[in-house]
Amino acid sequence: MAKVTKPTADFPLTPHYGSGQWVKKIRGKSHYFGKLEDWRSALNTYLDEKDDLLAGREPRSRQEFVTLGDLTAEFLESKKGSVASGEIQERTYKECEVTCNRIKKILGDGRALSDIQRRDLERLRAKFAEGRGPTALKNELSRARSVFLYANESGLVDKPIVYRKPLRTPSKSIFTRKRAEDARMFSAEQINSLLNAANPQLKAMLYLGINCAFGPGDCLALPWAAVDLENKRHRFARRKTGNERLCPLWPETIEALQAIQVDRKSVFMTKYQRPWTTTAIGHEFRKLLEECKIYRPGNTHYSLRRTFETIAAATGEQVAVDHIMGHLSPSMASVYRQCVFIEPLHRVAFYVRDWLQGRVKLG
């Protein structure tokens, strides 16, 4: 770029060739005011903003033009960094992206952040609640709250957005009532009827669900390298959190896996030799439930994981149960615990097998 001279000797700004803008250091920080080719606009911007900058405030002229679209773009960019560093998974980023799009659709992409009021956030919450159960609503609201927290902490607004109460998550009593109304687990008889009617791949998924507390996402991501049929166990970290898991495999689970074993990386592939999706697993599992005449809303393949936790808890071996589930206790004991031995894991896994085969009755 050609050298630029100041229009007057007392011109307050300095050319910065790296950015192509006029710059001035205020309170130890460089601030940019416009392109070198247009010194008049840069000077006007400086004059508009210098009082705020000298006082250590974000210029109001800039704040007024920070929109909801600007906020969500910056928020998602920060989440991309979290994906790259391994702090969150791509799936979590996608969920945040969906939430951001919903916020913009309801409140307006070009809405100024400084204009967002409590009533707007209450309307946002009401829209989020339409057609959603308490768990889905809680997750959506938690992501929305993180967006507005980012706005406050990143200095995009002069006055913090008060979002906590308008975007409050459902109370514990609502979840308690919901669980009482909609117990999402299977009886041993129901699981056996599903196993008898399932095709080989669904049968293997069913056994992994009740033997190892696998959800659909675990099944579709499971590689053969994580399955040790010789030593009758799997070692496969939980996909959602990365927590280590180890679980002994039942003879029936091993037999079901051997029935679909082929020379490929992933355990489960569709008949077209393509990877499964969680949607496809959900669709096939619902068809199986309907075929066995035990379908009810809320009961999915993931209910096998809930059933495992419920039955396995009766062993009193909660450390082993948590390890199989891939849960990490927040207690100090979990910080000091270096490993979980195979014996308690075996007791837990085979206690659930005894329940499934009718040798254990729970009152």
Protein backbone atom coordinates (compact mmCIF):
# COMPACT_ATOMS: atom_id res chain seq x y z
CA MET A 1 0.00 0.00 0.00
CA ALA A 2 1.26 3.49 -0.86
CA LYS A 3 2.33 5.70 2.01
CA VAL A 4 -0.49 7.81 3.46
CA THR A 5 0.14 11.23 4.98
CA LYS A 6 -1.98 12.90 7.62
CA PRO A 7 -4.30 15.56 6.12
CA THR A 8 -3.19 18.07 8.80
CA ALA A 9 -0.31 18.27 11.20
CA ASP A 10 -2.61 17.93 14.23
CA PHE A 11 -4.66 15.07 12.79
CA PRO A 12 -5.28 12.77 15.83
CA LEU A 13 -5.12 9.43 14.02
CA THR A 14 -2.21 7.41 12.67
CA PRO A 15 -2.20 5.24 9.53
CA HIS A 16 -1.98 1.46 10.19
CA TYR A 17 -0.93 -0.26 6.98
CA GLY A 18 -1.50 -3.82 8.20
CA SER A 19 -5.24 -3.24 8.59
CA GLY A 20 -5.56 -0.40 6.10
CA GLN A 21 -7.25 1.77 8.73
CA TRP A 22 -6.69 4.87 10.82
CA VAL A 23 -5.76 3.94 14.39
CA LYS A 24 -5.23 5.57 17.78
CA LYS A 25 -4.07 4.05 21.06
CA ILE A 26 -6.39 4.97 23.94
CA ARG A 27 -5.92 3.70 27.50
CA GLY A 28 -3.25 1.31 26.26
CA LYS A 29 -5.40 -0.28 23.55
CA SER A 30 -5.40 0.33 19.79
CA HIS A 31 -8.75 1.38 18.30
CA TYR A 32 -9.55 1.50 14.58
CA PHE A 33 -11.84 4.10 13.06
CA GLY A 34 -12.02 3.63 9.31
CA LYS A 35 -10.26 3.09 6.01
CA LEU A 36 -7.15 5.07 5.10
CA GLU A 37 -8.78 6.22 1.87
CA ASP A 38 -11.53 8.06 3.78
CA TRP A 39 -9.90 10.11 6.53
CA ARG A 40 -12.97 12.32 7.00
CA SER A 41 -15.24 9.38 7.95
CA ALA A 42 -12.52 8.01 10.22
CA LEU A 43 -12.17 11.38 11.95
CA ASN A 44 -15.94 11.67 12.44
CA THR A 45 -16.06 8.17 13.94
CA TYR A 46 -13.20 9.05 16.28
CA LEU A 47 -14.89 12.25 17.42
CA ASP A 48 -18.15 10.36 18.07
CA GLU A 49 -16.47 7.65 20.11
CA LYS A 50 -13.48 9.25 21.86
CA ASP A 51 -15.34 10.35 25.02
CA ASP A 52 -16.60 6.83 25.69
CA LEU A 53 -13.20 5.33 24.90
CA LEU A 54 -11.36 7.79 27.14
CA ALA A 55 -13.79 6.87 29.95
CA GLY A 56 -13.15 3.16 29.40
CA ARG A 57 -16.61 2.47 27.99
CA GLU A 58 -17.66 0.65 24.82
CA PRO A 59 -18.85 3.39 22.44
CA ARG A 60 -22.62 3.57 22.37
CA SER A 61 -22.57 4.18 18.64
CA ARG A 62 -21.07 0.73 18.20
CA GLN A 63 -23.39 -0.95 20.68
CA GLU A 64 -26.51 0.31 18.96
CA PHE A 65 -25.56 -1.57 15.84
CA VAL A 66 -24.68 -4.88 17.49
CA THR A 67 -27.55 -7.11 16.44
CA LEU A 68 -28.82 -10.49 17.54
CA GLY A 69 -27.35 -11.84 14.31
CA ASP A 70 -23.94 -10.42 15.27
CA LEU A 71 -24.21 -12.03 18.71
CA THR A 72 -25.15 -15.49 17.45
CA ALA A 73 -22.39 -15.37 14.81
CA GLU A 74 -19.75 -14.56 17.44
CA PHE A 75 -21.18 -17.13 19.86
CA LEU A 76 -21.09 -19.91 17.27
CA GLU A 77 -17.58 -18.92 16.24
CA SER A 78 -16.47 -19.39 19.85
CA LYS A 79 -18.17 -22.80 19.91
CA LYS A 80 -16.26 -23.81 16.77
CA GLY A 81 -13.10 -23.14 18.74
CA SER A 82 -14.40 -25.35 21.52
CA VAL A 83 -15.01 -28.16 19.01
CA ALA A 84 -11.48 -27.76 17.63
CA SER A 85 -9.98 -27.97 21.12
CA GLY A 86 -12.04 -31.04 21.99
CA GLU A 87 -14.02 -29.30 24.74
CA ILE A 88 -17.37 -30.00 23.07
CA GLN A 89 -18.50 -32.38 20.34
CA GLU A 90 -19.70 -31.46 16.87
CA ARG A 91 -23.16 -32.62 17.91
CA THR A 92 -23.25 -30.01 20.70
CA TYR A 93 -22.22 -27.31 18.22
CA LYS A 94 -25.05 -28.32 15.89
CA GLU A 95 -27.55 -28.11 18.75
CA CYS A 96 -26.29 -24.61 19.60
CA GLU A 97 -26.62 -23.64 15.95
CA VAL A 98 -30.26 -24.78 15.87
CA THR A 99 -31.02 -22.83 19.06
CA CYS A 100 -29.39 -19.68 17.65
CA ASN A 101 -31.47 -19.94 14.49
CA ARG A 102 -34.64 -20.26 16.57
CA ILE A 103 -33.73 -17.22 18.67
CA LYS A 104 -33.17 -15.15 15.50
CA LYS A 105 -36.40 -16.38 13.95
CA ILE A 106 -38.46 -15.46 17.02
CA LEU A 107 -36.80 -12.16 18.01
CA GLY A 108 -35.42 -11.03 14.66
CA ASP A 109 -31.99 -11.40 13.11
CA GLY A 110 -31.45 -7.62 12.89
CA ARG A 111 -32.77 -6.87 16.38
CA ALA A 112 -30.40 -4.60 18.34
CA LEU A 113 -29.14 -6.25 21.52
CA SER A 114 -29.68 -3.01 23.42
CA ASP A 115 -33.37 -3.22 22.51
CA ILE A 116 -34.01 -6.70 23.95
CA GLN A 117 -36.33 -6.49 26.98
CA ARG A 118 -37.67 -8.96 29.53
CA ARG A 119 -40.95 -9.34 27.65
CA ASP A 120 -39.02 -10.40 24.53
CA LEU A 121 -37.26 -13.15 26.45
CA GLU A 122 -40.53 -14.27 28.04
CA ARG A 123 -42.02 -14.53 24.54
CA LEU A 124 -38.95 -16.50 23.47
CA ARG A 125 -39.45 -18.94 26.34
CA ALA A 126 -43.14 -19.36 25.52
CA LYS A 127 -42.29 -20.18 21.90
CA PHE A 128 -39.63 -22.66 22.99
CA ALA A 129 -42.17 -24.41 25.24
CA GLU A 130 -44.63 -25.09 22.40
CA GLY A 131 -44.75 -28.82 21.72
CA ARG A 132 -41.79 -29.65 23.98
CA GLY A 133 -41.54 -31.75 27.12
CA PRO A 134 -39.67 -30.48 30.17
CA THR A 135 -36.35 -32.13 29.29
CA ALA A 136 -36.25 -30.81 25.72
CA LEU A 137 -37.34 -27.37 26.97
CA LYS A 138 -34.66 -27.34 29.67
CA ASN A 139 -31.93 -28.18 27.13
CA GLU A 140 -33.13 -25.49 24.71
CA LEU A 141 -33.34 -22.86 27.45
CA SER A 142 -29.88 -23.77 28.78
CA ARG A 143 -28.39 -23.18 25.34
CA ALA A 144 -30.30 -19.89 24.95
CA ARG A 145 -29.08 -18.72 28.35
CA SER A 146 -25.49 -19.45 27.31
CA VAL A 147 -25.97 -17.21 24.25
CA PHE A 148 -27.04 -14.21 26.36
CA LEU A 149 -24.37 -14.96 28.96
CA TYR A 150 -21.84 -14.72 26.14
CA ALA A 151 -23.29 -11.32 25.16
CA ASN A 152 -22.83 -10.03 28.70
CA GLU A 153 -19.36 -11.45 29.24
CA SER A 154 -17.93 -10.48 25.85
CA GLY A 155 -18.83 -6.78 26.23
CA LEU A 156 -21.27 -6.69 23.32
CA VAL A 157 -23.78 -4.80 25.48
CA ASP A 158 -23.32 -1.74 27.68
CA LYS A 159 -26.02 -2.85 30.10
CA PRO A 160 -26.21 -6.59 30.89
CA ILE A 161 -29.18 -8.47 29.46
CA VAL A 162 -31.27 -9.83 32.35
CA TYR A 163 -32.09 -13.29 31.05
CA ARG A 164 -32.05 -15.76 33.97
CA LYS A 165 -35.62 -15.38 35.24
CA PRO A 166 -37.30 -14.86 31.84
CA LEU A 167 -35.47 -17.94 30.52
CA ARG A 168 -35.87 -20.00 33.68
CA THR A 169 -35.73 -23.76 33.25
CA PRO A 170 -38.66 -25.96 34.37
CA SER A 171 -38.86 -26.65 38.10
CA LYS A 172 -37.85 -29.98 39.65
CA SER A 173 -41.48 -30.68 40.56
CA ILE A 174 -42.42 -30.67 36.87
CA PHE A 175 -39.77 -33.31 36.15
CA THR A 176 -40.95 -35.36 39.13
CA ARG A 177 -44.56 -35.33 37.92
CA LYS A 178 -43.47 -36.12 34.38
CA ARG A 179 -41.45 -39.14 35.51
CA ALA A 180 -44.41 -40.41 37.53
CA GLU A 181 -46.74 -40.02 34.55
CA ASP A 182 -44.36 -41.44 31.97
CA ALA A 183 -42.04 -44.12 33.37
CA ARG A 184 -39.76 -44.79 30.40
CA MET A 185 -38.38 -48.28 31.01
CA PHE A 186 -39.14 -51.80 29.85
CA SER A 187 -40.18 -54.88 31.74
CA ALA A 188 -38.19 -58.09 31.30
CA GLU A 189 -41.13 -59.59 29.38
CA GLN A 190 -41.20 -56.67 26.96
CA ILE A 191 -37.46 -56.84 26.28
CA ASN A 192 -37.65 -60.59 25.64
CA SER A 193 -40.52 -60.08 23.19
CA LEU A 194 -38.44 -57.47 21.34
CA LEU A 195 -35.42 -59.80 21.22
CA ASN A 196 -37.55 -62.62 19.81
CA ALA A 197 -38.94 -60.40 17.03
CA ALA A 198 -35.82 -58.37 16.14
CA ASN A 199 -33.66 -58.83 13.06
CA PRO A 200 -29.97 -59.63 13.72
CA GLN A 201 -28.74 -56.02 13.80
CA LEU A 202 -31.55 -54.74 16.01
CA LYS A 203 -31.11 -57.77 18.25
CA ALA A 204 -27.45 -56.90 18.78
CA MET A 205 -28.43 -53.27 19.51
CA LEU A 206 -31.01 -54.47 22.03
CA TYR A 207 -28.48 -56.62 23.85
CA LEU A 208 -25.95 -53.78 23.93
CA GLY A 209 -28.66 -51.53 25.34
CA ILE A 210 -29.66 -53.76 28.25
CA ASN A 211 -26.26 -55.46 28.83
CA CYS A 212 -24.00 -52.40 28.45
CA ALA A 213 -26.39 -49.43 28.79
CA PHE A 214 -25.73 -48.31 25.21
CA GLY A 215 -27.87 -45.64 23.60
CA PRO A 216 -28.45 -45.39 19.82
CA GLY A 217 -25.48 -43.04 19.41
CA ASP A 218 -23.20 -45.55 21.12
CA CYS A 219 -24.35 -48.31 18.79
CA LEU A 220 -23.83 -46.37 15.58
CA ALA A 221 -20.33 -45.24 16.67
CA LEU A 222 -19.15 -48.61 18.04
CA PRO A 223 -16.04 -49.95 16.22
CA TRP A 224 -15.09 -53.62 16.24
CA ALA A 225 -11.76 -52.55 17.74
CA ALA A 226 -13.59 -51.69 20.98
CA VAL A 227 -15.23 -55.14 21.22
CA ASP A 228 -13.14 -57.93 22.77
CA LEU A 229 -15.13 -61.09 22.08
CA GLU A 230 -12.29 -63.32 23.24
CA ASN A 231 -12.21 -61.77 26.71
CA LYS A 232 -15.97 -61.17 26.67
CA ARG A 233 -16.00 -57.43 27.27
CA HIS A 234 -16.05 -54.07 25.53
CA ARG A 235 -13.95 -51.01 26.25
CA PHE A 236 -15.61 -48.04 24.55
CA ALA A 237 -15.65 -44.51 25.96
CA ARG A 238 -19.03 -42.82 26.17
CA ARG A 239 -19.55 -40.90 22.97
CA LYS A 240 -21.29 -37.97 24.64
CA THR A 241 -18.71 -37.23 27.36
CA GLY A 242 -15.60 -39.24 26.55
CA ASN A 243 -15.81 -40.99 29.95
CA GLU A 244 -14.14 -44.41 29.99
CA ARG A 245 -16.41 -47.48 30.04
CA LEU A 246 -15.74 -51.18 30.46
CA CYS A 247 -18.47 -53.82 30.61
CA PRO A 248 -18.48 -57.64 30.60
CA LEU A 249 -20.54 -59.09 27.74
CA TRP A 250 -23.23 -61.72 28.24
CA PRO A 251 -23.05 -64.95 26.19
CA GLU A 252 -26.23 -63.81 24.41
CA THR A 253 -24.67 -60.43 23.55
CA ILE A 254 -21.56 -62.13 22.17
CA GLU A 255 -23.71 -64.49 20.09
CA ALA A 256 -25.73 -61.57 18.71
CA LEU A 257 -22.56 -59.67 17.78
CA GLN A 258 -21.00 -62.75 16.16
CA ALA A 259 -24.14 -63.11 14.03
CA ILE A 260 -23.46 -59.75 12.36
CA GLN A 261 -19.66 -59.82 12.46
CA VAL A 262 -18.01 -58.98 9.15
CA ASP A 263 -14.66 -57.51 8.17
CA ARG A 264 -15.34 -53.79 8.54
CA LYS A 265 -14.49 -50.99 10.94
CA SER A 266 -17.97 -50.29 12.33
CA VAL A 267 -20.07 -52.93 14.07
CA PHE A 268 -23.34 -51.68 12.60
CA MET A 269 -24.02 -50.89 8.95
CA THR A 270 -27.32 -50.80 7.06
CA LYS A 271 -28.18 -53.42 4.45
CA TYR A 272 -26.89 -50.93 1.88
CA GLN A 273 -23.51 -50.91 3.70
CA ARG A 274 -23.95 -47.35 4.89
CA PRO A 275 -23.56 -46.05 8.45
CA TRP A 276 -26.69 -45.99 10.58
CA THR A 277 -28.08 -42.71 11.89
CA THR A 278 -29.82 -42.19 15.22
CA THR A 279 -32.97 -41.26 13.29
CA ALA A 280 -32.88 -44.55 11.38
CA ILE A 281 -32.36 -46.55 14.58
CA GLY A 282 -35.27 -44.72 16.18
CA HIS A 283 -37.50 -45.44 13.18
CA GLU A 284 -36.65 -49.15 13.06
CA PHE A 285 -37.00 -49.52 16.81
CA ARG A 286 -40.43 -47.91 16.79
CA LYS A 287 -41.56 -50.34 14.09
CA LEU A 288 -40.35 -53.19 16.29
CA LEU A 289 -42.22 -51.81 19.31
CA GLU A 290 -45.41 -51.50 17.28
CA GLU A 291 -44.97 -55.03 15.93
CA CYS A 292 -44.72 -56.32 19.50
CA LYS A 293 -47.69 -54.13 20.52
CA ILE A 294 -45.77 -52.40 23.31
CA TYR A 295 -45.21 -48.97 21.76
CA ARG A 296 -45.94 -45.94 23.91
CA PRO A 297 -44.73 -42.34 23.49
CA GLY A 298 -41.40 -41.78 25.20
CA ASN A 299 -40.23 -45.40 25.07
CA THR A 300 -37.32 -45.68 22.66
CA HIS A 301 -34.10 -47.66 22.37
CA TYR A 302 -32.65 -45.22 24.92
CA SER A 303 -35.15 -46.61 27.46
CA LEU A 304 -32.97 -49.73 27.63
CA ARG A 305 -30.27 -47.54 29.14
CA ARG A 306 -32.76 -46.23 31.71
CA THR A 307 -33.86 -49.79 32.44
CA PHE A 308 -30.27 -50.91 32.97
CA GLU A 309 -29.60 -48.11 35.49
CA THR A 310 -32.84 -48.83 37.36
CA ILE A 311 -32.26 -52.59 37.68
CA ALA A 312 -28.48 -52.42 38.22
CA ALA A 313 -28.88 -49.95 41.10
CA ALA A 314 -30.39 -52.79 43.17
CA THR A 315 -26.92 -54.37 43.40
CA GLY A 316 -25.64 -51.54 45.58
CA GLU A 317 -22.52 -51.39 43.37
CA GLN A 318 -23.08 -47.81 42.23
CA VAL A 319 -19.44 -47.21 41.34
CA ALA A 320 -19.57 -50.15 38.93
CA VAL A 321 -22.97 -49.07 37.60
CA ASP A 322 -21.68 -45.56 36.93
CA HIS A 323 -18.61 -46.96 35.14
CA ILE A 324 -20.74 -49.09 32.83
CA MET A 325 -23.09 -46.14 32.21
CA GLY A 326 -20.16 -43.81 31.52
CA HIS A 327 -21.17 -41.49 34.36
CA LEU A 328 -18.56 -39.63 36.37
CA SER A 329 -19.43 -38.88 39.99
CA PRO A 330 -18.63 -35.31 41.15
CA SER A 331 -17.39 -36.68 44.51
CA MET A 332 -13.76 -36.50 45.62
CA ALA A 333 -13.70 -40.31 45.66
CA SER A 334 -13.94 -40.35 41.87
CA VAL A 335 -10.92 -38.02 41.69
CA TYR A 336 -8.79 -40.44 43.73
CA ARG A 337 -10.17 -43.66 42.20
CA GLN A 338 -7.65 -44.92 39.64
CA CYS A 339 -9.61 -47.84 38.20
CA VAL A 340 -12.69 -50.02 38.58
CA PHE A 341 -12.10 -53.78 38.97
CA ILE A 342 -13.76 -56.30 36.71
CA GLU A 343 -15.44 -58.30 39.50
CA PRO A 344 -18.00 -55.63 40.53
CA LEU A 345 -18.62 -54.83 36.87
CA HIS A 346 -19.32 -58.52 36.28
CA ARG A 347 -21.71 -58.68 39.26
CA VAL A 348 -23.67 -55.69 38.00
CA ALA A 349 -23.90 -56.82 34.37
CA PHE A 350 -24.95 -60.38 35.24
CA TYR A 351 -27.43 -59.23 37.89
CA VAL A 352 -29.28 -57.44 35.07
CA ARG A 353 -29.05 -60.64 32.99
CA ASP A 354 -30.58 -62.64 35.86
CA TRP A 355 -33.42 -60.09 36.03
CA LEU A 356 -34.01 -60.36 32.29
CA GLN A 357 -34.12 -64.17 32.48
CA GLY A 358 -36.54 -64.17 35.40
CA ARG A 359 -34.16 -65.26 38.16
CA VAL A 360 -34.42 -61.93 40.00
CA LYS A 361 -37.74 -60.37 41.00
CA LEU A 362 -37.91 -56.76 42.08
CA GLY A 363 -40.85 -55.65 44.21
